């Protein structure tokens, strides 16, 4: 019998099951828990204007002593939180290099998001969405436009058949 790797949703659910999300949800508390597990602080900072203008809305820079998470500041609070959750998704999945590139262990990890076409980006995005859902966040309306297309492409259906 051929080995079939677990689905994206199952991999995310396994990580989500270990998070102990607080109710009401607190991004700061989640960052503190993850930092405690990793043994180094997580520092949140707005992206420099130039980076945001280049199309990057989130960035994780991981060093041996601290994880820096940068987010687009000129957006809604909900979107800023989602960007941070996405970058935390990279941390929780243990992503440690740009896909296909080696860091050699000496250079810091730098992951910036501009699209969702790679496995790492899909994992981080799905986990961010599942954290929000697991924390009790429920959108007041059905997603439309780009968000609906993105959720559909990712296989995420919060109100319907969740798939495997």
Protein backbone atom coordinates (compact mmCIF):
# COMPACT_ATOMS: atom_id res chain seq x y z
CA UNK A 1 0.00 0.00 0.00
CA UNK A 2 1.34 3.42 -0.97
CA UNK A 3 1.98 6.00 1.74
CA UNK A 4 -0.37 8.92 1.46
CA UNK A 5 0.74 12.00 3.42
CA UNK A 6 -1.87 13.60 5.67
CA UNK A 7 -3.96 16.31 4.07
CA UNK A 8 -3.17 19.97 4.60
CA UNK A 9 -6.21 20.29 6.86
CA UNK A 10 -5.11 17.35 9.03
CA UNK A 11 -1.55 18.68 9.36
CA UNK A 12 -2.95 22.04 10.44
CA UNK A 13 -5.42 20.40 12.83
CA UNK A 14 -2.58 18.49 14.51
CA UNK A 15 -0.74 21.75 15.22
CA UNK A 16 -3.95 23.53 16.22
CA UNK A 17 -4.68 20.77 18.75
CA UNK A 18 -1.49 21.66 20.61
CA UNK A 19 -2.11 25.41 20.86
CA UNK A 20 -4.61 25.75 23.73
CA UNK A 21 -6.24 28.88 22.30
CA UNK A 22 -7.53 31.31 24.88
CA UNK A 23 -11.12 32.53 24.89
CA UNK A 24 -11.49 35.35 24.19
CA UNK A 25 -8.63 35.03 21.75
CA UNK A 26 -5.48 37.02 22.48
CA UNK A 27 -2.80 37.31 19.82
CA UNK A 28 -0.34 38.51 22.47
CA UNK A 29 -1.02 35.45 24.64
CA UNK A 30 -0.56 33.15 21.63
CA UNK A 31 2.76 34.82 20.78
CA UNK A 32 3.89 34.41 24.39
CA UNK A 33 3.01 30.69 24.39
CA UNK A 34 4.82 30.07 21.10
CA UNK A 35 7.82 32.10 22.31
CA UNK A 36 7.91 30.05 25.50
CA UNK A 37 7.91 26.80 23.51
CA UNK A 38 10.71 28.07 21.27
CA UNK A 39 12.75 29.60 24.07
CA UNK A 40 13.02 33.00 22.40
CA UNK A 41 10.76 36.04 22.19
CA UNK A 42 8.54 36.96 19.27
CA UNK A 43 8.64 40.65 18.41
CA UNK A 44 5.86 42.17 16.28
CA UNK A 45 6.65 45.21 14.12
CA UNK A 46 4.92 47.06 11.28
CA UNK A 47 6.59 46.64 7.89
CA UNK A 48 8.52 49.61 6.56
CA UNK A 49 6.42 51.52 4.03
CA UNK A 50 8.76 50.51 1.18
CA UNK A 51 8.25 46.80 1.88
CA UNK A 52 4.48 47.15 1.99
CA UNK A 53 4.55 49.08 -1.29
CA UNK A 54 6.48 46.20 -2.90
CA UNK A 55 3.54 43.85 -2.31
CA UNK A 56 4.78 42.08 0.81
CA UNK A 57 2.20 42.16 3.59
CA UNK A 58 3.95 39.90 6.09
CA UNK A 59 7.46 38.76 6.89
CA UNK A 60 9.10 36.46 9.43
CA UNK A 61 12.77 36.87 10.28
CA UNK A 62 13.94 34.12 12.60
CA UNK A 63 17.29 34.41 14.33
CA UNK A 64 18.91 32.23 16.98
CA UNK A 65 17.73 34.56 19.75
CA UNK A 66 14.49 36.18 18.57
CA UNK A 67 11.71 35.81 15.99
CA UNK A 68 10.66 39.05 14.30
CA UNK A 69 7.23 39.13 12.68
CA UNK A 70 6.49 42.11 10.45
CA UNK A 71 3.00 42.99 9.24
CA UNK A 72 1.41 45.56 6.97
CA UNK A 73 0.27 48.41 9.20
CA UNK A 74 -1.93 50.20 6.64
CA UNK A 75 -4.75 47.68 6.68
CA UNK A 76 -7.64 46.70 8.94
CA UNK A 77 -6.98 45.31 12.44
CA UNK A 78 -8.49 41.95 11.43
CA UNK A 79 -6.20 41.73 8.40
CA UNK A 80 -3.14 42.72 10.48
CA UNK A 81 -3.96 39.95 12.95
CA UNK A 82 -4.39 37.45 10.13
CA UNK A 83 -1.02 38.44 8.65
CA UNK A 84 0.65 37.85 12.03
CA UNK A 85 -1.15 34.50 12.38
CA UNK A 86 0.10 33.51 8.93
CA UNK A 87 3.69 34.28 9.91
CA UNK A 88 3.20 32.38 13.18
CA UNK A 89 2.00 29.51 10.99
CA UNK A 90 5.43 29.41 9.37
CA UNK A 91 7.00 29.25 12.82
CA UNK A 92 4.63 26.52 14.04
CA UNK A 93 5.18 24.41 10.94
CA UNK A 94 8.93 24.72 11.39
CA UNK A 95 9.51 26.30 8.00
CA UNK A 96 13.14 27.27 7.99
CA UNK A 97 14.05 28.39 4.51
CA UNK A 98 12.65 29.73 1.33
CA UNK A 99 11.36 26.67 -0.47
CA UNK A 100 14.14 25.11 -2.49
CA UNK A 101 16.87 27.21 -0.87
CA UNK A 102 19.25 26.22 1.91
CA UNK A 103 20.19 28.63 4.68
CA UNK A 104 23.11 26.54 5.91
CA UNK A 105 21.98 27.12 9.49
CA UNK A 106 24.05 30.30 9.86
CA UNK A 107 21.85 32.88 8.16
CA UNK A 108 18.57 34.02 9.69
CA UNK A 109 15.33 32.61 8.36
CA UNK A 110 13.54 35.18 6.23
CA UNK A 111 10.12 34.28 4.87
CA UNK A 112 8.03 36.95 3.18
CA UNK A 113 4.65 36.37 1.68
CA UNK A 114 3.53 37.72 -1.63
CA UNK A 115 1.49 34.74 -2.92
CA UNK A 116 0.13 31.39 -1.81
CA UNK A 117 1.44 29.05 -4.47
CA UNK A 118 4.02 27.11 -2.44
CA UNK A 119 3.34 24.32 0.05
CA UNK A 120 4.76 26.43 2.88
CA UNK A 121 2.52 29.39 2.06
CA UNK A 122 -0.54 27.14 1.82
CA UNK A 123 0.28 25.53 5.18
CA UNK A 124 0.79 28.88 6.91
CA UNK A 125 -2.36 30.38 5.40
CA UNK A 126 -4.56 27.41 6.26
CA UNK A 127 -3.23 27.31 9.82
CA UNK A 128 -3.86 31.06 10.26
CA UNK A 129 -7.46 30.59 9.12
CA UNK A 130 -7.96 27.58 11.38
CA UNK A 131 -6.51 29.44 14.40
CA UNK A 132 -9.02 32.24 13.82
CA UNK A 133 -11.86 29.74 13.50
CA UNK A 134 -10.67 27.73 16.51
CA UNK A 135 -10.47 30.90 18.56
CA UNK A 136 -14.13 31.56 17.95
CA UNK A 137 -13.75 34.18 15.22
CA UNK A 138 -16.67 33.96 12.86
CA UNK A 139 -17.09 36.31 9.94
CA UNK A 140 -20.41 38.09 9.94
CA UNK A 141 -20.95 37.42 6.24
CA UNK A 142 -19.95 34.84 3.70
CA UNK A 143 -16.54 35.60 2.17
CA UNK A 144 -16.76 37.16 -1.25
CA UNK A 145 -14.41 38.10 -4.04
CA UNK A 146 -10.73 37.37 -3.53
CA UNK A 147 -11.19 35.90 -0.04
CA UNK A 148 -13.84 33.43 -1.25
CA UNK A 149 -11.63 32.37 -4.19
CA UNK A 150 -8.63 31.96 -1.88
CA UNK A 151 -10.57 29.85 0.62
CA UNK A 152 -11.95 27.72 -2.20
CA UNK A 153 -8.47 27.23 -3.70
CA UNK A 154 -7.13 26.25 -0.28
CA UNK A 155 -9.96 23.76 0.25
CA UNK A 156 -11.28 25.66 3.27
CA UNK A 157 -15.05 25.65 3.70
CA UNK A 158 -15.92 27.02 7.18
CA UNK A 159 -19.66 26.56 6.83
CA UNK A 160 -19.90 23.47 4.73
CA UNK A 161 -18.19 20.20 4.05
CA UNK A 162 -14.71 20.50 5.49
CA UNK A 163 -13.18 17.71 3.47
CA UNK A 164 -10.20 15.84 4.83
